[in-house]
Amino acid sequence: MNTQVKTAFYWLLLGICFHTHTVLHMYGLFYGVNIQLPDATGEVSLGTQAFNTVIFTVTFLMAFLSINLSGKGFRGFSLVWSALFLLLNFFHLGATVFVEAFDLSQVCLLTFVLAVNILLTGTLWRCLKQQK
């Protein structure tokens, strides 16, 4: 498969998984679980909005740009962004397994996210090494 298409697919898959992760967090509502954060004020903070924009929107933007851009600069930026996501996903999986209340569906999904993120980072790394 073409590296450009593969990279775009991995980014798209990560974006879909991030949205699925959010849906799974809200799934407890169907069973009467109170999912409200303890310090919730009824308003979403600007920091949370910014974080959600970066996680959700930028992931889809990276998929879109991966289809349309193939330069070394963009691939380098994509590698750095992917590596940052890899760290985030690794620590989030760890927190889900060892800190939060155990949720099998989240652990499975976050393990899959980590695997996809590793494949994305590896693909970008190999692509940049070949371009040198």
N, C-alpha and C. Protein backbone atom coordinates (compact mmCIF):
# COMPACT_ATOMS: atom_id res chain seq x y z
N MET A 1 0.86 -1.19 0.00
CA MET A 1 0.00 0.00 0.00
C MET A 1 0.90 1.24 0.00
N ASN A 2 0.49 2.25 -0.70
CA ASN A 2 1.19 3.52 -0.77
C ASN A 2 1.32 4.11 0.65
N THR A 3 2.52 4.60 0.99
CA THR A 3 2.77 5.15 2.32
C THR A 3 1.87 6.34 2.62
N GLN A 4 1.61 7.16 1.65
CA GLN A 4 0.76 8.34 1.85
C GLN A 4 -0.66 7.91 2.23
N VAL A 5 -1.19 6.92 1.54
CA VAL A 5 -2.54 6.43 1.84
C VAL A 5 -2.56 5.72 3.19
N LYS A 6 -1.52 4.93 3.46
CA LYS A 6 -1.44 4.22 4.73
C LYS A 6 -1.41 5.20 5.90
N THR A 7 -0.61 6.26 5.78
CA THR A 7 -0.51 7.26 6.83
C THR A 7 -1.86 7.95 7.05
N ALA A 8 -2.51 8.32 5.97
CA ALA A 8 -3.83 8.96 6.08
C ALA A 8 -4.83 8.02 6.74
N PHE A 9 -4.78 6.74 6.38
CA PHE A 9 -5.69 5.77 6.97
C PHE A 9 -5.45 5.63 8.47
N TYR A 10 -4.19 5.56 8.88
CA TYR A 10 -3.88 5.47 10.31
C TYR A 10 -4.39 6.69 11.07
N TRP A 11 -4.18 7.88 10.52
CA TRP A 11 -4.69 9.09 11.18
C TRP A 11 -6.21 9.05 11.29
N LEU A 12 -6.87 8.65 10.21
CA LEU A 12 -8.33 8.57 10.21
C LEU A 12 -8.81 7.55 11.24
N LEU A 13 -8.15 6.41 11.29
CA LEU A 13 -8.51 5.38 12.25
C LEU A 13 -8.33 5.88 13.68
N LEU A 14 -7.25 6.61 13.95
CA LEU A 14 -7.06 7.19 15.28
C LEU A 14 -8.19 8.16 15.62
N GLY A 15 -8.57 9.00 14.68
CA GLY A 15 -9.67 9.94 14.92
C GLY A 15 -10.97 9.23 15.26
N ILE A 16 -11.27 8.18 14.52
CA ILE A 16 -12.48 7.41 14.77
C ILE A 16 -12.40 6.75 16.15
N CYS A 17 -11.24 6.23 16.48
CA CYS A 17 -11.07 5.59 17.80
C CYS A 17 -11.20 6.60 18.93
N PHE A 18 -10.70 7.82 18.75
CA PHE A 18 -10.84 8.84 19.79
C PHE A 18 -12.30 9.16 20.03
N HIS A 19 -13.08 9.23 18.96
CA HIS A 19 -14.52 9.48 19.13
C HIS A 19 -15.21 8.28 19.79
N THR A 20 -14.81 7.09 19.39
CA THR A 20 -15.38 5.88 20.00
C THR A 20 -15.05 5.84 21.49
N HIS A 21 -13.86 6.25 21.85
CA HIS A 21 -13.44 6.30 23.26
C HIS A 21 -14.39 7.20 24.06
N THR A 22 -14.75 8.34 23.50
CA THR A 22 -15.67 9.25 24.16
C THR A 22 -17.06 8.63 24.30
N VAL A 23 -17.52 7.97 23.26
CA VAL A 23 -18.83 7.32 23.31
C VAL A 23 -18.84 6.24 24.39
N LEU A 24 -17.76 5.47 24.48
CA LEU A 24 -17.69 4.43 25.51
C LEU A 24 -17.70 5.02 26.91
N HIS A 25 -17.10 6.20 27.08
CA HIS A 25 -17.16 6.86 28.39
C HIS A 25 -18.60 7.23 28.75
N MET A 26 -19.38 7.60 27.78
CA MET A 26 -20.77 8.01 28.04
C MET A 26 -21.73 6.83 28.10
N TYR A 27 -21.27 5.65 27.75
CA TYR A 27 -22.13 4.48 27.69
C TYR A 27 -22.78 4.15 29.03
N GLY A 28 -22.11 4.49 30.12
CA GLY A 28 -22.67 4.24 31.45
C GLY A 28 -24.00 4.94 31.68
N LEU A 29 -24.26 6.00 30.93
CA LEU A 29 -25.54 6.71 31.07
C LEU A 29 -26.72 5.78 30.86
N PHE A 30 -26.57 4.81 29.96
CA PHE A 30 -27.66 3.88 29.68
C PHE A 30 -27.97 2.98 30.87
N TYR A 31 -27.02 2.88 31.79
CA TYR A 31 -27.18 2.00 32.95
C TYR A 31 -27.29 2.79 34.25
N GLY A 32 -27.49 4.09 34.14
CA GLY A 32 -27.72 4.91 35.31
C GLY A 32 -26.47 5.38 36.03
N VAL A 33 -25.31 5.23 35.41
CA VAL A 33 -24.06 5.67 36.03
C VAL A 33 -23.97 7.19 35.92
N ASN A 34 -23.61 7.83 37.02
CA ASN A 34 -23.40 9.27 37.01
C ASN A 34 -22.01 9.53 36.44
N ILE A 35 -21.92 10.08 35.23
CA ILE A 35 -20.63 10.30 34.60
C ILE A 35 -20.16 11.75 34.76
N GLN A 36 -20.92 12.53 35.48
CA GLN A 36 -20.56 13.95 35.68
C GLN A 36 -19.27 14.03 36.48
N LEU A 37 -18.36 14.90 36.04
CA LEU A 37 -17.11 15.12 36.75
C LEU A 37 -17.41 15.78 38.09
N PRO A 38 -16.65 15.43 39.13
CA PRO A 38 -16.93 15.97 40.47
C PRO A 38 -16.91 17.49 40.54
N ASP A 39 -16.04 18.12 39.79
CA ASP A 39 -15.93 19.58 39.85
C ASP A 39 -16.65 20.28 38.69
N ALA A 40 -17.59 19.59 38.05
CA ALA A 40 -18.30 20.16 36.90
C ALA A 40 -19.14 21.36 37.31
N THR A 41 -19.07 22.42 36.50
CA THR A 41 -19.80 23.64 36.79
C THR A 41 -20.95 23.87 35.82
N GLY A 42 -21.09 23.00 34.84
CA GLY A 42 -22.12 23.20 33.82
C GLY A 42 -21.58 23.86 32.58
N GLU A 43 -20.31 24.24 32.60
CA GLU A 43 -19.67 24.85 31.43
C GLU A 43 -18.39 24.09 31.11
N VAL A 44 -18.13 23.93 29.82
CA VAL A 44 -16.91 23.28 29.38
C VAL A 44 -15.82 24.35 29.34
N SER A 45 -14.73 24.09 30.05
CA SER A 45 -13.65 25.08 30.13
C SER A 45 -12.98 25.26 28.76
N LEU A 46 -12.35 26.41 28.59
CA LEU A 46 -11.64 26.69 27.35
C LEU A 46 -10.50 25.70 27.15
N GLY A 47 -9.83 25.31 28.22
CA GLY A 47 -8.75 24.32 28.13
C GLY A 47 -9.26 22.98 27.61
N THR A 48 -10.41 22.56 28.11
CA THR A 48 -11.01 21.31 27.65
C THR A 48 -11.42 21.42 26.19
N GLN A 49 -11.99 22.55 25.81
CA GLN A 49 -12.37 22.75 24.42
C GLN A 49 -11.15 22.71 23.50
N ALA A 50 -10.05 23.34 23.94
CA ALA A 50 -8.82 23.35 23.15
C ALA A 50 -8.26 21.93 23.04
N PHE A 51 -8.24 21.19 24.15
CA PHE A 51 -7.74 19.81 24.14
C PHE A 51 -8.57 18.95 23.19
N ASN A 52 -9.90 19.05 23.28
CA ASN A 52 -10.77 18.28 22.40
C ASN A 52 -10.55 18.64 20.94
N THR A 53 -10.35 19.91 20.66
CA THR A 53 -10.09 20.35 19.29
C THR A 53 -8.81 19.72 18.77
N VAL A 54 -7.77 19.72 19.60
CA VAL A 54 -6.49 19.14 19.18
C VAL A 54 -6.65 17.64 18.96
N ILE A 55 -7.25 16.97 19.90
CA ILE A 55 -7.36 15.51 19.81
C ILE A 55 -8.28 15.08 18.67
N PHE A 56 -9.43 15.67 18.56
CA PHE A 56 -10.40 15.22 17.56
C PHE A 56 -10.18 15.86 16.19
N THR A 57 -10.23 17.17 16.13
CA THR A 57 -10.21 17.86 14.85
C THR A 57 -8.85 17.75 14.16
N VAL A 58 -7.77 17.95 14.91
CA VAL A 58 -6.45 17.92 14.29
C VAL A 58 -6.12 16.52 13.78
N THR A 59 -6.62 15.49 14.44
CA THR A 59 -6.39 14.13 13.95
C THR A 59 -7.01 13.94 12.57
N PHE A 60 -8.22 14.41 12.39
CA PHE A 60 -8.86 14.32 11.07
C PHE A 60 -8.17 15.24 10.07
N LEU A 61 -7.71 16.40 10.54
CA LEU A 61 -6.96 17.30 9.66
C LEU A 61 -5.67 16.62 9.19
N MET A 62 -5.00 15.90 10.07
CA MET A 62 -3.78 15.19 9.68
C MET A 62 -4.09 14.12 8.63
N ALA A 63 -5.21 13.44 8.75
CA ALA A 63 -5.60 12.46 7.73
C ALA A 63 -5.81 13.15 6.39
N PHE A 64 -6.51 14.26 6.41
CA PHE A 64 -6.78 15.03 5.18
C PHE A 64 -5.48 15.53 4.56
N LEU A 65 -4.61 16.10 5.39
CA LEU A 65 -3.35 16.63 4.88
C LEU A 65 -2.43 15.52 4.38
N SER A 66 -2.49 14.35 5.01
CA SER A 66 -1.65 13.23 4.58
C SER A 66 -1.97 12.76 3.18
N ILE A 67 -3.21 12.93 2.79
CA ILE A 67 -3.61 12.57 1.42
C ILE A 67 -3.10 13.61 0.43
N ASN A 68 -3.04 14.88 0.86
CA ASN A 68 -2.74 15.98 -0.06
C ASN A 68 -1.30 16.49 0.00
N LEU A 69 -0.57 16.16 1.05
CA LEU A 69 0.81 16.65 1.19
C LEU A 69 1.75 15.46 1.33
N SER A 70 2.91 15.55 0.69
CA SER A 70 3.85 14.44 0.80
C SER A 70 5.28 14.91 1.02
N GLY A 71 5.46 16.18 1.30
CA GLY A 71 6.80 16.72 1.47
C GLY A 71 7.46 16.25 2.76
N LYS A 72 8.79 16.37 2.78
CA LYS A 72 9.58 15.95 3.93
C LYS A 72 9.21 16.76 5.18
N GLY A 73 8.93 18.05 5.03
CA GLY A 73 8.57 18.88 6.16
C GLY A 73 7.27 18.43 6.81
N PHE A 74 6.28 18.15 5.98
CA PHE A 74 5.00 17.68 6.53
C PHE A 74 5.17 16.32 7.18
N ARG A 75 5.92 15.43 6.55
CA ARG A 75 6.11 14.10 7.13
C ARG A 75 6.85 14.20 8.46
N GLY A 76 7.80 15.12 8.56
CA GLY A 76 8.51 15.33 9.82
C GLY A 76 7.58 15.84 10.91
N PHE A 77 6.74 16.81 10.55
CA PHE A 77 5.75 17.32 11.49
C PHE A 77 4.79 16.21 11.91
N SER A 78 4.36 15.41 10.94
CA SER A 78 3.44 14.31 11.22
C SER A 78 4.09 13.29 12.16
N LEU A 79 5.38 13.04 11.98
CA LEU A 79 6.09 12.10 12.86
C LEU A 79 6.13 12.64 14.29
N VAL A 80 6.45 13.90 14.44
CA VAL A 80 6.49 14.50 15.79
C VAL A 80 5.11 14.44 16.42
N TRP A 81 4.09 14.81 15.67
CA TRP A 81 2.72 14.79 16.19
C TRP A 81 2.31 13.37 16.57
N SER A 82 2.67 12.42 15.74
CA SER A 82 2.36 11.02 16.02
C SER A 82 3.08 10.54 17.28
N ALA A 83 4.33 10.94 17.44
CA ALA A 83 5.10 10.55 18.63
C ALA A 83 4.49 11.14 19.89
N LEU A 84 4.02 12.38 19.81
CA LEU A 84 3.35 12.99 20.97
C LEU A 84 2.06 12.24 21.31
N PHE A 85 1.29 11.89 20.28
CA PHE A 85 0.08 11.08 20.50
C PHE A 85 0.44 9.72 21.08
N LEU A 86 1.56 9.16 20.62
CA LEU A 86 1.98 7.85 21.12
C LEU A 86 2.23 7.92 22.64
N LEU A 87 2.91 8.96 23.07
CA LEU A 87 3.13 9.15 24.51
C LEU A 87 1.80 9.31 25.26
N LEU A 88 0.93 10.16 24.73
CA LEU A 88 -0.38 10.38 25.34
C LEU A 88 -1.15 9.06 25.44
N ASN A 89 -1.18 8.31 24.35
CA ASN A 89 -1.94 7.06 24.33
C ASN A 89 -1.34 6.01 25.25
N PHE A 90 -0.02 5.95 25.33
CA PHE A 90 0.64 5.00 26.22
C PHE A 90 0.27 5.30 27.68
N PHE A 91 0.40 6.55 28.09
CA PHE A 91 0.10 6.91 29.48
C PHE A 91 -1.40 6.81 29.78
N HIS A 92 -2.23 7.11 28.79
CA HIS A 92 -3.68 7.00 29.01
C HIS A 92 -4.09 5.55 29.18
N LEU A 93 -3.51 4.65 28.39
CA LEU A 93 -3.79 3.23 28.56
C LEU A 93 -3.34 2.78 29.94
N GLY A 94 -2.16 3.22 30.36
CA GLY A 94 -1.68 2.86 31.69
C GLY A 94 -2.61 3.35 32.78
N ALA A 95 -3.09 4.58 32.65
CA ALA A 95 -4.03 5.11 33.65
C ALA A 95 -5.33 4.33 33.63
N THR A 96 -5.78 3.94 32.47
CA THR A 96 -7.03 3.20 32.37
C THR A 96 -6.91 1.82 33.01
N VAL A 97 -5.75 1.21 32.86
CA VAL A 97 -5.55 -0.13 33.42
C VAL A 97 -5.28 -0.09 34.92
N PHE A 98 -4.45 0.87 35.35
CA PHE A 98 -3.96 0.82 36.72
C PHE A 98 -4.56 1.86 37.67
N VAL A 99 -5.19 2.91 37.17
CA VAL A 99 -5.66 3.99 38.04
C VAL A 99 -7.19 4.05 38.08
N GLU A 100 -7.82 4.06 36.93
CA GLU A 100 -9.28 4.21 36.85
C GLU A 100 -9.97 2.89 37.14
N ALA A 101 -11.28 2.96 37.33
CA ALA A 101 -12.06 1.73 37.47
C ALA A 101 -11.95 0.93 36.18
N PHE A 102 -11.73 -0.37 36.28
CA PHE A 102 -11.47 -1.21 35.11
C PHE A 102 -12.67 -1.22 34.17
N ASP A 103 -12.40 -1.03 32.90
CA ASP A 103 -13.43 -1.06 31.85
C ASP A 103 -12.83 -1.83 30.68
N LEU A 104 -13.29 -3.06 30.48
CA LEU A 104 -12.73 -3.94 29.46
C LEU A 104 -12.80 -3.31 28.07
N SER A 105 -13.92 -2.69 27.73
CA SER A 105 -14.06 -2.11 26.39
C SER A 105 -13.05 -0.99 26.17
N GLN A 106 -12.80 -0.18 27.20
CA GLN A 106 -11.82 0.90 27.07
C GLN A 106 -10.40 0.34 26.95
N VAL A 107 -10.08 -0.66 27.74
CA VAL A 107 -8.75 -1.26 27.69
C VAL A 107 -8.49 -1.85 26.30
N CYS A 108 -9.46 -2.56 25.76
CA CYS A 108 -9.31 -3.14 24.42
C CYS A 108 -9.15 -2.05 23.37
N LEU A 109 -10.01 -1.03 23.43
CA LEU A 109 -9.94 0.06 22.46
C LEU A 109 -8.61 0.81 22.57
N LEU A 110 -8.20 1.14 23.78
CA LEU A 110 -6.97 1.90 23.96
C LEU A 110 -5.73 1.09 23.59
N THR A 111 -5.79 -0.23 23.74
CA THR A 111 -4.70 -1.09 23.28
C THR A 111 -4.64 -1.05 21.75
N PHE A 112 -5.79 -1.10 21.11
CA PHE A 112 -5.84 -0.99 19.65
C PHE A 112 -5.32 0.37 19.19
N VAL A 113 -5.72 1.43 19.88
CA VAL A 113 -5.25 2.78 19.55
C VAL A 113 -3.73 2.84 19.64
N LEU A 114 -3.18 2.27 20.69
CA LEU A 114 -1.73 2.27 20.86
C LEU A 114 -1.05 1.51 19.72
N ALA A 115 -1.62 0.38 19.32
CA ALA A 115 -1.06 -0.41 18.22
C ALA A 115 -1.09 0.39 16.90
N VAL A 116 -2.21 1.03 16.62
CA VAL A 116 -2.32 1.85 15.40
C VAL A 116 -1.32 3.00 15.46
N ASN A 117 -1.21 3.62 16.62
CA ASN A 117 -0.28 4.74 16.78
C ASN A 117 1.17 4.29 16.58
N ILE A 118 1.51 3.11 17.06
CA ILE A 118 2.85 2.56 16.85
C ILE A 118 3.10 2.32 15.36
N LEU A 119 2.11 1.76 14.67
CA LEU A 119 2.24 1.53 13.23
C LEU A 119 2.39 2.85 12.47
N LEU A 120 1.61 3.85 12.86
CA LEU A 120 1.70 5.17 12.22
C LEU A 120 3.09 5.76 12.42
N THR A 121 3.57 5.76 13.65
CA THR A 121 4.88 6.33 13.95
C THR A 121 5.98 5.58 13.21
N GLY A 122 5.89 4.26 13.20
CA GLY A 122 6.88 3.45 12.48
C GLY A 122 6.87 3.71 10.99
N THR A 123 5.70 3.83 10.41
CA THR A 123 5.58 4.11 8.98
C THR A 123 6.19 5.46 8.64
N LEU A 124 5.88 6.46 9.44
CA LEU A 124 6.44 7.80 9.20
C LEU A 124 7.95 7.81 9.37
N TRP A 125 8.43 7.11 10.39
CA TRP A 125 9.87 7.03 10.64
C TRP A 125 10.60 6.39 9.46
N ARG A 126 10.10 5.24 9.00
CA ARG A 126 10.72 4.56 7.85
C ARG A 126 10.67 5.41 6.59
N CYS A 127 9.56 6.10 6.41
CA CYS A 127 9.40 6.95 5.22
C CYS A 127 10.44 8.08 5.23
N LEU A 128 10.63 8.70 6.37
CA LEU A 128 11.61 9.78 6.47
C LEU A 128 13.03 9.27 6.30
N LYS A 129 13.32 8.08 6.82
CA LYS A 129 14.66 7.50 6.66
C LYS A 129 14.94 7.19 5.20
N GLN A 130 13.93 6.72 4.46
CA GLN A 130 14.10 6.41 3.04
C GLN A 130 14.31 7.66 2.20
N GLN A 131 13.72 8.78 2.63
CA GLN A 131 13.84 10.04 1.87
C GLN A 131 15.21 10.67 2.01
N LYS A 132 16.00 10.28 3.03
CA LYS A 132 17.32 10.89 3.23
C LYS A 132 18.30 10.44 2.19
